[in-house]
Amino acid sequence: MPVKNNKKTANRPFLKWAGGKFRLIDRINKLLPSGNRLIEPFIGSGAVFLNTDYEHYLLGDINPDLINLYNYLKQEGQGFIDYAENWFCEKENTKTAYYQWRSQFNQSTDTREKSALFLYLNRHGYNGLCRYNSSGELNVPFGRYKKPYFPADEMLNFAEKAKRATFVCCGFDELMSRARKNNVVYCDPPYVPLSDSANFTNYAKEGFGLDNQMQLAAKAHKLSSRGVTVLISNHENALTKELYQEALITKFPVKRMISCKGNSRKDVIELLALYVPKE
């Protein structure tokens, strides 16, 4: 039966991603069991996908720009990589060019162009954020990087691994409903905020509120009663303790990475809530 990836060298995602799980992959892998398919309703940068070794993957997100990018990379491989690289040159790394391309991205109906621009904006925008306004427009400001890195090798690695994956744009409830016995589900939802000022849920224009958090916990508990293992990442606080009372909790300190001021970044407590299948 396929098992997790135990390689010492982790595979880096090609996208910069706030809250990405690349640094926590060892902790996550210790809790993910074997199975015939891994399901991720919040794929994000794909760090867990890239660093596990299941036979099949069902990977989703509510953000169509992210899923379209992954599907083009899967379908075209090197051809799409070469196409996306056209935006990674000195003349496109200016404030004027960035805002022109951001406007083009928000107005375009060409999904292939938008997918390449999503990568360009991700690598040239501030702090690797993915943020939309209430109208569904990407509104991340220019990052002012000297020479943004073009992740050709990481993209090629992703495209190769994607041969085992299906990428779908849908909500978490719909995707998790496809889980069957011997499947494993890993959920990395937008976190419960530690404070009002720390609220960072607008990775898609719909946001992710308390009702969504409650629905996710209930869905995980329901799946565990059907023989499916579910693992959820989140902050530890009074709310998540209540939400995940049916799960086995592992908690640990992490360095908070979303901050305007580097010297204000500090340790916060995260948790992993494991729903073990019930016979």
Protein backbone atom coordinates (compact mmCIF):
# COMPACT_ATOMS: atom_id res chain seq x y z
CA MET A 1 0.00 0.00 0.00
CA PRO A 2 1.42 3.44 -0.89
CA VAL A 3 2.87 5.37 2.01
CA LYS A 4 4.03 8.88 2.74
CA ASN A 5 7.20 10.34 1.33
CA ASN A 6 10.01 9.86 3.82
CA LYS A 7 12.75 11.56 1.80
CA LYS A 8 15.03 13.83 3.82
CA THR A 9 15.02 16.56 1.17
CA ALA A 10 11.65 18.27 0.89
CA ASN A 11 10.24 19.40 -2.46
CA ARG A 12 9.63 23.13 -2.54
CA PRO A 13 6.41 24.55 -4.01
CA PHE A 14 6.84 26.94 -6.94
CA LEU A 15 4.39 29.48 -5.51
CA LYS A 16 5.04 31.78 -2.57
CA TRP A 17 2.15 31.23 -0.18
CA ALA A 18 1.13 32.82 3.10
CA GLY A 19 0.54 30.03 5.59
CA GLY A 20 2.17 27.43 3.36
CA LYS A 21 3.07 24.14 5.03
CA PHE A 22 6.56 23.58 3.62
CA ARG A 23 8.23 24.17 7.00
CA LEU A 24 5.78 21.90 8.81
CA ILE A 25 5.85 18.97 6.42
CA ASP A 26 7.69 16.65 8.85
CA ARG A 27 5.09 17.23 11.58
CA ILE A 28 2.24 16.67 9.13
CA ASN A 29 3.78 13.53 7.64
CA LYS A 30 4.13 11.96 11.08
CA LEU A 31 0.34 12.04 11.43
CA LEU A 32 -0.78 11.20 7.89
CA PRO A 33 -1.41 7.46 7.56
CA SER A 34 -1.07 5.29 4.49
CA GLY A 35 -3.95 5.11 2.05
CA ASN A 36 -4.77 4.81 -1.63
CA ARG A 37 -5.64 8.49 -2.16
CA LEU A 38 -4.91 11.83 -0.51
CA ILE A 39 -7.62 14.48 -0.72
CA GLU A 40 -6.81 18.13 -0.09
CA PRO A 41 -9.73 20.59 -0.21
CA PHE A 42 -7.38 23.57 0.38
CA ILE A 43 -4.35 22.75 -1.73
CA GLY A 44 -2.66 26.16 -1.44
CA SER A 45 0.92 25.93 -2.67
CA GLY A 46 0.79 22.14 -2.75
CA ALA A 47 3.52 21.55 -0.15
CA VAL A 48 1.81 18.48 1.33
CA PHE A 49 0.96 17.09 -2.10
CA LEU A 50 4.58 17.47 -3.20
CA ASN A 51 5.98 15.77 -0.11
CA THR A 52 3.78 12.70 0.20
CA ASP A 53 3.66 9.57 -1.91
CA TYR A 54 0.09 8.38 -2.39
CA GLU A 55 -1.02 6.51 -5.48
CA HIS A 56 -3.68 9.08 -6.33
CA TYR A 57 -4.50 12.67 -5.35
CA LEU A 58 -7.72 14.67 -5.44
CA LEU A 59 -6.76 18.32 -4.94
CA GLY A 60 -9.11 21.25 -4.77
CA ASP A 61 -9.50 24.89 -3.91
CA ILE A 62 -12.25 27.47 -4.24
CA ASN A 63 -9.85 29.80 -6.06
CA PRO A 64 -10.24 29.22 -9.85
CA ASP A 65 -7.05 31.14 -10.67
CA LEU A 66 -4.99 28.72 -8.60
CA ILE A 67 -6.65 25.59 -10.00
CA ASN A 68 -6.39 26.84 -13.60
CA LEU A 69 -2.65 27.41 -13.11
CA TYR A 70 -2.16 23.89 -11.79
CA ASN A 71 -4.17 22.35 -14.60
CA TYR A 72 -2.26 24.22 -17.33
CA LEU A 73 1.03 23.17 -15.76
CA LYS A 74 -0.16 19.57 -15.57
CA GLN A 75 -1.40 19.54 -19.18
CA GLU A 76 1.43 21.45 -20.88
CA GLY A 77 4.45 20.93 -18.66
CA GLN A 78 7.56 22.51 -20.18
CA GLY A 79 5.52 24.39 -22.77
CA PHE A 80 3.63 26.32 -20.11
CA ILE A 81 6.83 26.88 -18.11
CA ASP A 82 8.46 28.49 -21.16
CA TYR A 83 5.36 30.63 -21.73
CA ALA A 84 5.24 31.87 -18.11
CA GLU A 85 8.95 32.72 -18.12
CA ASN A 86 8.31 35.54 -20.61
CA TRP A 87 7.11 37.75 -17.73
CA PHE A 88 10.26 37.21 -15.68
CA CYS A 89 12.57 39.81 -17.14
CA GLU A 90 13.93 43.19 -16.10
CA LYS A 91 11.44 45.31 -18.02
CA GLU A 92 8.47 43.62 -16.31
CA ASN A 93 9.92 44.09 -12.83
CA THR A 94 8.82 47.70 -12.37
CA LYS A 95 5.94 49.26 -10.47
CA THR A 96 4.34 50.50 -13.68
CA ALA A 97 4.57 47.14 -15.42
CA TYR A 98 3.31 45.29 -12.37
CA TYR A 99 0.13 47.36 -12.05
CA GLN A 100 -0.50 47.16 -15.79
CA TRP A 101 -0.27 43.37 -15.68
CA ARG A 102 -2.36 43.22 -12.50
CA SER A 103 -5.08 45.20 -14.29
CA GLN A 104 -4.77 42.90 -17.31
CA PHE A 105 -5.09 39.87 -15.03
CA ASN A 106 -8.26 41.23 -13.42
CA GLN A 107 -9.88 42.00 -16.80
CA SER A 108 -8.69 39.04 -18.88
CA THR A 109 -10.92 36.16 -19.94
CA ASP A 110 -7.98 34.19 -21.37
CA THR A 111 -7.44 31.54 -18.69
CA ARG A 112 -4.01 30.52 -19.99
CA GLU A 113 -2.74 34.09 -19.89
CA LYS A 114 -4.33 34.59 -16.46
CA SER A 115 -2.60 31.46 -15.19
CA ALA A 116 0.81 32.75 -16.26
CA LEU A 117 0.02 36.17 -14.83
CA PHE A 118 -1.06 34.59 -11.54
CA LEU A 119 2.47 33.20 -11.23
CA TYR A 120 4.00 36.55 -12.28
CA LEU A 121 1.92 38.46 -9.70
CA ASN A 122 2.68 35.86 -7.03
CA ARG A 123 6.42 36.25 -7.51
CA HIS A 124 6.46 40.03 -8.07
CA GLY A 125 3.76 41.02 -5.56
CA TYR A 126 4.24 41.92 -1.92
CA ASN A 127 5.23 39.05 0.36
CA GLY A 128 3.74 36.33 -1.85
CA LEU A 129 0.22 37.25 -0.80
CA CYS A 130 -2.90 36.07 -2.61
CA ARG A 131 -5.64 38.57 -1.77
CA TYR A 132 -8.81 39.66 -3.52
CA ASN A 133 -11.15 42.58 -2.90
CA SER A 134 -14.94 42.32 -2.56
CA SER A 135 -15.28 42.52 -6.36
CA GLY A 136 -13.07 39.48 -6.81
CA GLU A 137 -10.07 41.47 -8.12
CA LEU A 138 -6.55 40.63 -7.07
CA ASN A 139 -5.27 43.66 -5.16
CA VAL A 140 -1.80 42.73 -3.86
CA PRO A 141 0.65 45.67 -4.15
CA PHE A 142 4.00 45.60 -5.95
CA GLY A 143 6.71 43.82 -4.00
CA ARG A 144 9.81 45.76 -5.11
CA TYR A 145 12.07 42.71 -5.38
CA LYS A 146 15.42 43.19 -7.09
CA LYS A 147 15.17 40.06 -9.23
CA PRO A 148 12.16 37.78 -8.66
CA TYR A 149 13.04 34.11 -8.91
CA PHE A 150 11.55 32.09 -11.74
CA PRO A 151 10.86 28.60 -10.32
CA ALA A 152 11.41 26.53 -13.47
CA ASP A 153 12.76 23.44 -11.69
CA GLU A 154 10.03 23.53 -9.05
CA MET A 155 7.35 23.86 -11.75
CA LEU A 156 8.74 20.92 -13.68
CA ASN A 157 8.77 18.82 -10.52
CA PHE A 158 5.16 19.82 -9.83
CA ALA A 159 4.10 18.96 -13.39
CA GLU A 160 5.64 15.49 -13.09
CA LYS A 161 3.95 14.77 -9.76
CA ALA A 162 0.65 16.18 -11.10
CA LYS A 163 0.31 13.14 -13.40
CA ARG A 164 -1.09 11.36 -10.35
CA ALA A 165 -3.43 14.21 -9.42
CA THR A 166 -6.83 15.60 -10.31
CA PHE A 167 -7.30 19.33 -9.68
CA VAL A 168 -10.81 20.68 -9.19
CA CYS A 169 -12.26 24.08 -8.31
CA CYS A 170 -14.97 23.59 -5.71
CA GLY A 171 -15.79 24.10 -2.05
CA PHE A 172 -14.36 21.90 0.69
CA ASP A 173 -17.67 20.21 1.51
CA GLU A 174 -18.17 19.05 -2.07
CA LEU A 175 -14.63 17.73 -2.36
CA MET A 176 -14.63 15.98 1.02
CA SER A 177 -17.90 14.28 0.09
CA ARG A 178 -15.92 12.30 -2.49
CA ALA A 179 -13.82 10.63 0.21
CA ARG A 180 -14.15 6.89 0.59
CA LYS A 181 -12.78 4.34 3.03
CA ASN A 182 -8.98 4.10 2.85
CA ASN A 183 -8.75 7.69 1.60
CA VAL A 184 -6.87 10.27 3.67
CA VAL A 185 -7.98 13.91 3.90
CA TYR A 186 -5.68 16.81 4.83
CA CYS A 187 -7.28 20.22 5.38
CA ASP A 188 -5.39 23.51 5.60
CA PRO A 189 -8.24 26.04 5.77
CA PRO A 190 -7.85 29.79 6.30
CA TYR A 191 -7.04 29.94 9.98
CA VAL A 192 -9.24 31.17 12.79
CA PRO A 193 -7.86 34.69 13.51
CA LEU A 194 -5.92 35.25 16.72
CA SER A 195 -7.31 38.79 16.81
CA ASP A 196 -9.48 41.06 14.67
CA SER A 197 -6.42 42.70 13.13
CA ALA A 198 -4.93 39.30 12.30
CA ASN A 199 -7.93 38.16 10.24
CA PHE A 200 -6.59 36.78 6.95
CA THR A 201 -9.38 34.86 5.25
CA ASN A 202 -9.83 36.63 1.93
CA TYR A 203 -7.73 34.26 -0.13
CA ALA A 204 -10.88 34.05 -2.27
CA LYS A 205 -13.54 36.73 -2.49
CA GLU A 206 -16.03 34.65 -0.49
CA GLY A 207 -13.82 34.56 2.63
CA PHE A 208 -14.00 31.82 5.27
CA GLY A 209 -16.01 32.57 8.39
CA LEU A 210 -17.08 30.87 11.61
CA ASP A 211 -19.88 28.93 9.91
CA ASN A 212 -17.33 27.48 7.49
CA GLN A 213 -15.01 26.50 10.35
CA MET A 214 -17.87 24.72 12.13
CA GLN A 215 -18.98 22.98 8.94
CA LEU A 216 -15.44 21.74 8.29
CA ALA A 217 -15.07 20.26 11.78
CA ALA A 218 -18.46 18.57 11.51
CA LYS A 219 -17.57 17.14 8.10
CA ALA A 220 -14.28 15.76 9.42
CA HIS A 221 -16.06 14.05 12.33
CA LYS A 222 -18.65 12.59 9.96
CA LEU A 223 -15.99 11.21 7.59
CA SER A 224 -14.09 9.56 10.44
CA SER A 225 -17.22 7.56 11.23
CA ARG A 226 -17.06 6.25 7.66
CA GLY A 227 -13.49 5.00 7.87
CA VAL A 228 -11.70 8.10 6.54
CA THR A 229 -8.77 9.73 8.35
CA VAL A 230 -8.94 13.54 8.42
CA LEU A 231 -6.16 15.88 9.55
CA ILE A 232 -6.79 19.64 9.98
CA SER A 233 -4.32 22.48 10.59
CA ASN A 234 -5.30 25.65 12.46
CA HIS A 235 -4.37 28.06 15.23
CA GLU A 236 -4.85 26.92 18.79
CA ASN A 237 -7.33 29.00 20.76
CA ALA A 238 -10.58 28.58 22.69
CA LEU A 239 -12.60 28.32 19.50
CA THR A 240 -10.54 25.59 17.85
CA LYS A 241 -10.40 23.63 21.11
CA GLU A 242 -14.19 23.60 21.00
CA LEU A 243 -14.40 22.89 17.27
CA TYR A 244 -12.01 19.94 17.35
CA GLN A 245 -13.04 18.33 20.66
CA GLU A 246 -13.66 15.02 18.84
CA ALA A 247 -10.11 14.93 17.45
CA LEU A 248 -6.67 14.02 18.76
CA ILE A 249 -4.76 17.29 19.14
CA THR A 250 -1.07 17.90 18.54
CA LYS A 251 0.11 21.46 19.21
CA PHE A 252 3.39 23.28 18.73
CA PRO A 253 4.86 26.81 18.39
CA VAL A 254 5.53 28.28 14.94
CA LYS A 255 6.95 31.58 13.75
CA ARG A 256 4.23 33.80 12.38
CA MET A 257 5.16 34.81 8.83
CA ILE A 258 2.41 37.32 7.87
CA SER A 259 3.46 40.71 9.16
CA CYS A 260 4.38 44.12 7.77
CA LYS A 261 7.13 44.49 10.35
CA GLY A 262 9.70 41.75 10.55
CA ASN A 263 10.55 42.54 14.17
CA SER A 264 6.91 41.99 15.19
CA ARG A 265 6.85 38.38 14.02
CA LYS A 266 6.55 36.04 16.96
CA ASP A 267 5.75 32.48 17.92
CA VAL A 268 2.11 31.43 17.94
CA ILE A 269 0.64 28.04 18.77
CA GLU A 270 -0.66 25.92 15.92
CA LEU A 271 -2.44 22.62 16.16
CA LEU A 272 -3.06 19.52 14.10
CA ALA A 273 -6.45 17.93 14.73
CA LEU A 274 -6.51 14.23 13.80
CA TYR A 275 -9.81 12.46 13.25
CA VAL A 276 -9.10 8.75 13.47
CA PRO A 277 -11.44 6.38 11.59
CA LYS A 278 -14.05 4.76 13.82
CA GLU A 279 -15.07 1.23 13.07
